[in-house]
Amino acid sequence: MSYIPFSDAWRKEYMKHTKAHILSRLKFKVDPDLPKARLIEFLRVELIVEQFNKNYKVGDKVRWRSVKDDSFPYHEYTTLTVAYIAQNGLPCVHFREKSGYCCVEPEFIESVNVEPGTSEEEKYEAAMSEIQAELDKLVDNEFNPKFPKFWYESKSVFGWVESMDELVEMAQKQISAQWGIYTIDDFLDKSKRSVDSDTDFGTRREHTTDYTLRKLLEENNLLFEFILLYRFVTEQNDA
């Protein structure tokens, strides 16, 4: 198993992104008004839990130590549960041989795919190479493989929407036009799919189905990200 080190370099990479982008990566709901550094810490813990569960199943053997010190040896333990986030915010798991939960921060787990004698710098570089592709995607703010391309048309705006940024721009134009849509909820609920095409949304005469733009985003797990990005961009423009 190899752990992403989540070092200072990792945190600095995430500090380049907007709070809305970081919030969109979180699976658990958190206060969006928290400082960016705190949100990044929440994300770091979530990712540790995610990668532990990806590498270890219940009943697997794990080389674990109770102290974050190289002088302390690793011992083999058997997972009794999946990893989870404890109430104190730590990534934890239960072992059959231990009572209570045990922290699975990277410093406590032995990385079995690193050669003995490898320096800490080499370990870091090896782990970072495994996630370089993911970091490249994060740097590109327009990357969104899940976004469902569709046509949008109303009395005031029309055009193809192929990214989250384009949808936010379309919403801003639609709301500022004041043609019966005055809020973001109006935009999501009054914009409906056309009776003629599954990829045609808007507020014109043909857009009369019960399938709303809100429903489209919900089904593609994009609704929360859209609302956060819309609020962020609008606040920036108003500042």
C-alpha atoms as a PDB file:
ATOM      1  CA  MET A   1       0.000   0.000   0.000  1.00  0.00           C
ATOM      2  CA  SER A   2       1.122   3.528  -0.640  1.00  0.00           C
ATOM      3  CA  TYR A   3      -0.201   6.567   1.156  1.00  0.00           C
ATOM      4  CA  ILE A   4      -0.393  10.042  -0.328  1.00  0.00           C
ATOM      5  CA  PRO A   5       1.742  12.018   2.143  1.00  0.00           C
ATOM      6  CA  PHE A   6      -0.548  15.079   2.348  1.00  0.00           C
ATOM      7  CA  SER A   7       2.443  17.282   3.109  1.00  0.00           C
ATOM      8  CA  ASP A   8       2.785  21.059   3.122  1.00  0.00           C
ATOM      9  CA  ALA A   9       3.258  20.897  -0.663  1.00  0.00           C
ATOM     10  CA  TRP A  10      -0.120  19.159  -0.984  1.00  0.00           C
ATOM     11  CA  ARG A  11      -1.810  21.821   1.161  1.00  0.00           C
ATOM     12  CA  LYS A  12      -0.215  24.637  -0.851  1.00  0.00           C
ATOM     13  CA  GLU A  13      -1.544  23.059  -4.058  1.00  0.00           C
ATOM     14  CA  TYR A  14      -5.076  23.122  -2.689  1.00  0.00           C
ATOM     15  CA  MET A  15      -4.731  26.688  -1.400  1.00  0.00           C
ATOM     16  CA  LYS A  16      -4.605  27.746  -5.077  1.00  0.00           C
ATOM     17  CA  HIS A  17      -8.221  26.717  -5.538  1.00  0.00           C
ATOM     18  CA  THR A  18     -11.405  28.503  -4.556  1.00  0.00           C
ATOM     19  CA  LYS A  19     -13.354  27.547  -1.460  1.00  0.00           C
ATOM     20  CA  ALA A  20     -16.212  26.530  -3.732  1.00  0.00           C
ATOM     21  CA  HIS A  21     -13.980  24.032  -5.521  1.00  0.00           C
ATOM     22  CA  ILE A  22     -12.749  22.561  -2.236  1.00  0.00           C
ATOM     23  CA  LEU A  23     -16.310  22.316  -0.896  1.00  0.00           C
ATOM     24  CA  SER A  24     -17.352  20.509  -4.068  1.00  0.00           C
ATOM     25  CA  ARG A  25     -14.723  17.833  -3.323  1.00  0.00           C
ATOM     26  CA  LEU A  26     -16.023  17.178   0.206  1.00  0.00           C
ATOM     27  CA  LYS A  27     -18.486  14.342   0.674  1.00  0.00           C
ATOM     28  CA  PHE A  28     -19.686  15.505   4.103  1.00  0.00           C
ATOM     29  CA  LYS A  29     -21.492  18.768   4.669  1.00  0.00           C
ATOM     30  CA  VAL A  30     -19.446  21.403   6.463  1.00  0.00           C
ATOM     31  CA  ASP A  31     -19.888  25.072   7.231  1.00  0.00           C
ATOM     32  CA  PRO A  32     -18.934  26.879   3.967  1.00  0.00           C
ATOM     33  CA  ASP A  33     -17.864  29.920   5.986  1.00  0.00           C
ATOM     34  CA  LEU A  34     -14.964  28.036   7.579  1.00  0.00           C
ATOM     35  CA  PRO A  35     -11.461  29.235   6.618  1.00  0.00           C
ATOM     36  CA  LYS A  36     -10.022  27.597   3.521  1.00  0.00           C
ATOM     37  CA  ALA A  37      -7.230  25.936   5.519  1.00  0.00           C
ATOM     38  CA  ARG A  38      -9.823  24.249   7.755  1.00  0.00           C
ATOM     39  CA  LEU A  39     -11.785  23.006   4.726  1.00  0.00           C
ATOM     40  CA  ILE A  40      -8.579  21.570   3.266  1.00  0.00           C
ATOM     41  CA  GLU A  41      -7.982  19.727   6.543  1.00  0.00           C
ATOM     42  CA  PHE A  42     -11.473  18.195   6.334  1.00  0.00           C
ATOM     43  CA  LEU A  43     -10.716  17.095   2.773  1.00  0.00           C
ATOM     44  CA  ARG A  44      -7.341  15.645   3.802  1.00  0.00           C
ATOM     45  CA  VAL A  45      -9.004  13.438   6.435  1.00  0.00           C
ATOM     46  CA  GLU A  46     -11.694  12.316   3.989  1.00  0.00           C
ATOM     47  CA  LEU A  47      -9.065  11.320   1.438  1.00  0.00           C
ATOM     48  CA  ILE A  48      -7.083   9.358   4.034  1.00  0.00           C
ATOM     49  CA  VAL A  49     -10.216   7.373   4.928  1.00  0.00           C
ATOM     50  CA  GLU A  50     -11.017   6.861   1.256  1.00  0.00           C
ATOM     51  CA  GLN A  51      -7.583   5.553   0.310  1.00  0.00           C
ATOM     52  CA  PHE A  52      -7.330   3.325   3.414  1.00  0.00           C
ATOM     53  CA  ASN A  53     -10.640   1.661   2.514  1.00  0.00           C
ATOM     54  CA  LYS A  54      -9.488   1.331  -1.084  1.00  0.00           C
ATOM     55  CA  ASN A  55      -6.340  -0.525  -0.002  1.00  0.00           C
ATOM     56  CA  TYR A  56      -7.674  -2.519   2.953  1.00  0.00           C
ATOM     57  CA  LYS A  57     -10.883  -4.501   3.372  1.00  0.00           C
ATOM     58  CA  VAL A  58     -12.350  -5.772   6.650  1.00  0.00           C
ATOM     59  CA  GLY A  59     -10.254  -8.751   7.724  1.00  0.00           C
ATOM     60  CA  ASP A  60      -7.075  -7.597   5.952  1.00  0.00           C
ATOM     61  CA  LYS A  61      -3.729  -7.398   7.729  1.00  0.00           C
ATOM     62  CA  VAL A  62      -2.252  -3.936   8.316  1.00  0.00           C
ATOM     63  CA  ARG A  63       1.232  -2.999   9.524  1.00  0.00           C
ATOM     64  CA  TRP A  64       0.447  -0.291  12.103  1.00  0.00           C
ATOM     65  CA  ARG A  65       2.223   1.481  14.965  1.00  0.00           C
ATOM     66  CA  SER A  66       0.764   3.509  17.817  1.00  0.00           C
ATOM     67  CA  VAL A  67       3.337   6.327  17.816  1.00  0.00           C
ATOM     68  CA  LYS A  68       4.441   8.633  14.979  1.00  0.00           C
ATOM     69  CA  ASP A  69       8.118   7.994  15.565  1.00  0.00           C
ATOM     70  CA  ASP A  70      10.530   6.039  13.366  1.00  0.00           C
ATOM     71  CA  SER A  71      12.017   4.426  16.480  1.00  0.00           C
ATOM     72  CA  PHE A  72       8.736   2.610  17.136  1.00  0.00           C
ATOM     73  CA  PRO A  73       8.248  -0.662  15.209  1.00  0.00           C
ATOM     74  CA  TYR A  74       5.223  -1.631  13.139  1.00  0.00           C
ATOM     75  CA  HIS A  75       3.133  -4.641  14.154  1.00  0.00           C
ATOM     76  CA  GLU A  76       0.556  -6.576  12.184  1.00  0.00           C
ATOM     77  CA  TYR A  77      -3.116  -6.076  12.997  1.00  0.00           C
ATOM     78  CA  THR A  78      -6.401  -7.259  11.476  1.00  0.00           C
ATOM     79  CA  THR A  79      -9.019  -4.708  10.441  1.00  0.00           C
ATOM     80  CA  LEU A  80     -12.333  -5.175  12.218  1.00  0.00           C
ATOM     81  CA  THR A  81     -14.142  -2.253  10.538  1.00  0.00           C
ATOM     82  CA  VAL A  82     -13.772   0.039   7.571  1.00  0.00           C
ATOM     83  CA  ALA A  83     -11.995   3.319   8.205  1.00  0.00           C
ATOM     84  CA  TYR A  84     -14.161   6.277   9.214  1.00  0.00           C
ATOM     85  CA  ILE A  85     -13.916   9.810  10.595  1.00  0.00           C
ATOM     86  CA  ALA A  86     -14.174   9.844  14.376  1.00  0.00           C
ATOM     87  CA  GLN A  87     -15.961  12.575  16.339  1.00  0.00           C
ATOM     88  CA  ASN A  88     -12.621  14.235  17.062  1.00  0.00           C
ATOM     89  CA  GLY A  89     -12.008  14.550  13.318  1.00  0.00           C
ATOM     90  CA  LEU A  90      -9.316  11.854  13.042  1.00  0.00           C
ATOM     91  CA  PRO A  91      -9.315   9.105  10.402  1.00  0.00           C
ATOM     92  CA  CYS A  92      -9.737   5.887  12.383  1.00  0.00           C
ATOM     93  CA  VAL A  93     -10.291   2.140  12.159  1.00  0.00           C
ATOM     94  CA  HIS A  94     -10.849  -0.687  14.658  1.00  0.00           C
ATOM     95  CA  PHE A  95      -8.427  -3.611  14.827  1.00  0.00           C
ATOM     96  CA  ARG A  96      -9.347  -7.043  16.168  1.00  0.00           C
ATOM     97  CA  GLU A  97      -6.292  -7.059  18.405  1.00  0.00           C
ATOM     98  CA  LYS A  98      -6.825  -3.569  19.880  1.00  0.00           C
ATOM     99  CA  SER A  99      -9.554  -1.996  22.002  1.00  0.00           C
ATOM    100  CA  GLY A 100     -11.011   1.311  20.855  1.00  0.00           C
ATOM    101  CA  TYR A 101     -10.279   3.044  17.595  1.00  0.00           C
ATOM    102  CA  CYS A 102      -6.827   3.506  16.076  1.00  0.00           C
ATOM    103  CA  CYS A 103      -5.688   6.477  14.015  1.00  0.00           C
ATOM    104  CA  VAL A 104      -4.699   5.702  10.405  1.00  0.00           C
ATOM    105  CA  GLU A 105      -2.850   8.897   9.572  1.00  0.00           C
ATOM    106  CA  PRO A 106      -0.074   8.057   7.049  1.00  0.00           C
ATOM    107  CA  GLU A 107       2.622   8.198   9.734  1.00  0.00           C
ATOM    108  CA  PHE A 108       1.041   5.220  11.534  1.00  0.00           C
ATOM    109  CA  ILE A 109       0.854   2.881   8.511  1.00  0.00           C
ATOM    110  CA  GLU A 110       3.768   1.048   6.969  1.00  0.00           C
ATOM    111  CA  SER A 111       4.007   1.620   3.223  1.00  0.00           C
ATOM    112  CA  VAL A 112       4.671  -1.860   1.840  1.00  0.00           C
ATOM    113  CA  ASN A 113       5.554  -0.872  -1.728  1.00  0.00           C
ATOM    114  CA  VAL A 114       8.567   1.292  -0.801  1.00  0.00           C
ATOM    115  CA  GLU A 115      11.991  -0.358  -0.841  1.00  0.00           C
ATOM    116  CA  PRO A 116      13.833  -0.523   2.512  1.00  0.00           C
ATOM    117  CA  GLY A 117      16.314   2.301   2.901  1.00  0.00           C
ATOM    118  CA  THR A 118      14.348   4.668   0.698  1.00  0.00           C
ATOM    119  CA  SER A 119      14.768   8.260   1.856  1.00  0.00           C
ATOM    120  CA  GLU A 120      11.814  10.343   2.994  1.00  0.00           C
ATOM    121  CA  GLU A 121      12.250  12.567  -0.065  1.00  0.00           C
ATOM    122  CA  GLU A 122      12.137   9.542  -2.382  1.00  0.00           C
ATOM    123  CA  LYS A 123       9.066   8.212  -0.591  1.00  0.00           C
ATOM    124  CA  TYR A 124       7.370  11.562  -1.094  1.00  0.00           C
ATOM    125  CA  GLU A 125       8.262  11.700  -4.784  1.00  0.00           C
ATOM    126  CA  ALA A 126       7.074   8.128  -5.315  1.00  0.00           C
ATOM    127  CA  ALA A 127       3.730   8.826  -3.680  1.00  0.00           C
ATOM    128  CA  MET A 128       3.260  12.135  -5.502  1.00  0.00           C
ATOM    129  CA  SER A 129       3.838  10.479  -8.876  1.00  0.00           C
ATOM    130  CA  GLU A 130       0.784   8.298  -8.210  1.00  0.00           C
ATOM    131  CA  ILE A 131      -1.485  11.319  -7.867  1.00  0.00           C
ATOM    132  CA  GLN A 132       0.116  13.645 -10.413  1.00  0.00           C
ATOM    133  CA  ALA A 133      -2.650  12.988 -12.913  1.00  0.00           C
ATOM    134  CA  GLU A 134      -5.245  13.957 -10.303  1.00  0.00           C
ATOM    135  CA  LEU A 135      -3.376  17.148  -9.451  1.00  0.00           C
ATOM    136  CA  ASP A 136      -3.224  18.053 -13.143  1.00  0.00           C
ATOM    137  CA  LYS A 137      -7.000  17.745 -13.287  1.00  0.00           C
ATOM    138  CA  LEU A 138      -7.422  19.944 -10.224  1.00  0.00           C
ATOM    139  CA  VAL A 139      -5.235  22.680 -11.684  1.00  0.00           C
ATOM    140  CA  ASP A 140      -7.515  22.785 -14.733  1.00  0.00           C
ATOM    141  CA  ASN A 141     -10.646  24.416 -13.285  1.00  0.00           C
ATOM    142  CA  GLU A 142     -12.648  23.680 -16.432  1.00  0.00           C
ATOM    143  CA  PHE A 143     -12.152  19.903 -16.175  1.00  0.00           C
ATOM    144  CA  ASN A 144     -15.406  18.159 -15.374  1.00  0.00           C
ATOM    145  CA  PRO A 145     -15.965  14.805 -17.060  1.00  0.00           C
ATOM    146  CA  LYS A 146     -19.426  14.413 -15.542  1.00  0.00           C
ATOM    147  CA  PHE A 147     -20.918  17.617 -16.850  1.00  0.00           C
ATOM    148  CA  PRO A 148     -23.916  16.887 -19.124  1.00  0.00           C
ATOM    149  CA  LYS A 149     -23.744  19.078 -22.228  1.00  0.00           C
ATOM    150  CA  PHE A 150     -27.119  20.670 -23.088  1.00  0.00           C
ATOM    151  CA  TRP A 151     -28.757  23.535 -24.966  1.00  0.00           C
ATOM    152  CA  TYR A 152     -30.349  26.328 -22.921  1.00  0.00           C
ATOM    153  CA  GLU A 153     -32.825  28.865 -24.290  1.00  0.00           C
ATOM    154  CA  SER A 154     -35.131  31.530 -22.890  1.00  0.00           C
ATOM    155  CA  LYS A 155     -36.392  34.935 -23.972  1.00  0.00           C
ATOM    156  CA  SER A 156     -33.134  36.579 -22.960  1.00  0.00           C
ATOM    157  CA  VAL A 157     -30.337  34.010 -23.353  1.00  0.00           C
ATOM    158  CA  PHE A 158     -29.541  30.953 -25.422  1.00  0.00           C
ATOM    159  CA  GLY A 159     -26.602  28.720 -26.257  1.00  0.00           C
ATOM    160  CA  TRP A 160     -24.823  25.445 -25.531  1.00  0.00           C
ATOM    161  CA  VAL A 161     -23.746  24.831 -21.933  1.00  0.00           C
ATOM    162  CA  GLU A 162     -20.719  22.538 -21.727  1.00  0.00           C
ATOM    163  CA  SER A 163     -19.142  23.354 -18.355  1.00  0.00           C
ATOM    164  CA  MET A 164     -19.970  24.540 -14.854  1.00  0.00           C
ATOM    165  CA  ASP A 165     -18.492  27.963 -15.601  1.00  0.00           C
ATOM    166  CA  GLU A 166     -20.766  28.361 -18.636  1.00  0.00           C
ATOM    167  CA  LEU A 167     -23.810  27.339 -16.588  1.00  0.00           C
ATOM    168  CA  VAL A 168     -22.978  29.926 -13.905  1.00  0.00           C
ATOM    169  CA  GLU A 169     -22.595  32.587 -16.595  1.00  0.00           C
ATOM    170  CA  MET A 170     -25.919  31.572 -18.165  1.00  0.00           C
ATOM    171  CA  ALA A 171     -27.645  31.761 -14.765  1.00  0.00           C
ATOM    172  CA  GLN A 172     -26.252  35.234 -14.094  1.00  0.00           C
ATOM    173  CA  LYS A 173     -27.443  36.519 -17.471  1.00  0.00           C
ATOM    174  CA  GLN A 174     -30.874  34.943 -17.040  1.00  0.00           C
ATOM    175  CA  ILE A 175     -31.394  36.359 -13.536  1.00  0.00           C
ATOM    176  CA  SER A 176     -30.155  39.840 -14.470  1.00  0.00           C
ATOM    177  CA  ALA A 177     -32.604  39.930 -17.406  1.00  0.00           C
ATOM    178  CA  GLN A 178     -35.538  39.820 -14.923  1.00  0.00           C
ATOM    179  CA  TRP A 179     -37.805  37.786 -17.241  1.00  0.00           C
ATOM    180  CA  GLY A 180     -39.702  35.962 -14.472  1.00  0.00           C
ATOM    181  CA  ILE A 181     -36.514  34.493 -12.992  1.00  0.00           C
ATOM    182  CA  TYR A 182     -35.146  36.507 -10.093  1.00  0.00           C
ATOM    183  CA  THR A 183     -33.224  33.992  -7.953  1.00  0.00           C
ATOM    184  CA  ILE A 184     -31.001  30.970  -8.372  1.00  0.00           C
ATOM    185  CA  ASP A 185     -33.889  28.761  -7.196  1.00  0.00           C
ATOM    186  CA  ASP A 186     -36.100  30.254  -9.925  1.00  0.00           C
ATOM    187  CA  PHE A 187     -33.416  29.427 -12.481  1.00  0.00           C
ATOM    188  CA  LEU A 188     -33.129  25.819 -11.284  1.00  0.00           C
ATOM    189  CA  ASP A 189     -36.854  25.110 -10.888  1.00  0.00           C
ATOM    190  CA  LYS A 190     -38.385  27.105 -13.773  1.00  0.00           C
ATOM    191  CA  SER A 191     -35.841  25.935 -16.333  1.00  0.00           C
ATOM    192  CA  LYS A 192     -37.262  22.670 -17.677  1.00  0.00           C
ATOM    193  CA  ARG A 193     -36.496  20.067 -20.299  1.00  0.00           C
ATOM    194  CA  SER A 194     -38.093  20.345 -23.704  1.00  0.00           C
ATOM    195  CA  VAL A 195     -40.753  17.914 -24.882  1.00  0.00           C
ATOM    196  CA  ASP A 196     -38.718  17.484 -28.063  1.00  0.00           C
ATOM    197  CA  SER A 197     -35.207  16.739 -26.765  1.00  0.00           C
ATOM    198  CA  ASP A 198     -33.533  15.374 -23.630  1.00  0.00           C
ATOM    199  CA  THR A 199     -30.645  17.837 -24.066  1.00  0.00           C
ATOM    200  CA  ASP A 200     -32.743  20.993 -24.472  1.00  0.00           C
ATOM    201  CA  PHE A 201     -33.564  23.063 -21.385  1.00  0.00           C
ATOM    202  CA  GLY A 202     -35.009  26.524 -20.855  1.00  0.00           C
ATOM    203  CA  THR A 203     -38.152  28.536 -20.203  1.00  0.00           C
ATOM    204  CA  ARG A 204     -39.747  28.745 -23.649  1.00  0.00           C
ATOM    205  CA  ARG A 205     -43.089  27.294 -24.723  1.00  0.00           C
ATOM    206  CA  GLU A 206     -41.657  23.846 -25.529  1.00  0.00           C
ATOM    207  CA  HIS A 207     -39.999  23.490 -22.119  1.00  0.00           C
ATOM    208  CA  THR A 208     -42.979  22.011 -20.291  1.00  0.00           C
ATOM    209  CA  THR A 209     -41.842  18.657 -18.871  1.00  0.00           C
ATOM    210  CA  ASP A 210     -41.594  18.027 -15.132  1.00  0.00           C
ATOM    211  CA  TYR A 211     -37.857  17.414 -15.458  1.00  0.00           C
ATOM    212  CA  THR A 212     -36.117  20.555 -14.185  1.00  0.00           C
ATOM    213  CA  LEU A 213     -32.559  21.804 -14.427  1.00  0.00           C
ATOM    214  CA  ARG A 214     -32.268  21.186 -10.684  1.00  0.00           C
ATOM    215  CA  LYS A 215     -33.102  17.520 -11.261  1.00  0.00           C
ATOM    216  CA  LEU A 216     -30.483  17.229 -14.013  1.00  0.00           C
ATOM    217  CA  LEU A 217     -27.751  18.595 -11.749  1.00  0.00           C
ATOM    218  CA  GLU A 218     -28.868  16.451  -8.810  1.00  0.00           C
ATOM    219  CA  GLU A 219     -28.686  13.258 -10.876  1.00  0.00           C
ATOM    220  CA  ASN A 220     -25.163  14.150 -12.002  1.00  0.00           C
ATOM    221  CA  ASN A 221     -24.022  15.090  -8.454  1.00  0.00           C
ATOM    222  CA  LEU A 222     -23.393  18.670  -9.559  1.00  0.00           C
ATOM    223  CA  LEU A 223     -26.118  20.662  -7.791  1.00  0.00           C
ATOM    224  CA  PHE A 224     -24.158  21.502  -4.634  1.00  0.00           C
ATOM    225  CA  GLU A 225     -21.067  22.445  -6.648  1.00  0.00           C
ATOM    226  CA  PHE A 226     -23.131  24.672  -8.972  1.00  0.00           C
ATOM    227  CA  ILE A 227     -24.817  26.579  -6.121  1.00  0.00           C
ATOM    228  CA  LEU A 228     -21.504  27.132  -4.342  1.00  0.00           C
ATOM    229  CA  LEU A 229     -19.739  28.279  -7.505  1.00  0.00           C
ATOM    230  CA  TYR A 230     -22.626  30.594  -8.419  1.00  0.00           C
ATOM    231  CA  ARG A 231     -22.581  32.218  -4.982  1.00  0.00           C
ATOM    232  CA  PHE A 232     -18.809  32.560  -5.024  1.00  0.00           C
ATOM    233  CA  VAL A 233     -18.696  34.159  -8.497  1.00  0.00           C
ATOM    234  CA  THR A 234     -21.608  36.468  -7.687  1.00  0.00           C
ATOM    235  CA  GLU A 235     -19.980  37.600  -4.447  1.00  0.00           C
ATOM    236  CA  GLN A 236     -16.712  38.254  -6.261  1.00  0.00           C
ATOM    237  CA  ASN A 237     -18.483  40.328  -8.899  1.00  0.00           C
ATOM    238  CA  ASP A 238     -20.340  42.330  -6.266  1.00  0.00           C
ATOM    239  CA  ALA A 239     -17.202  42.995  -4.232  1.00  0.00           C
END
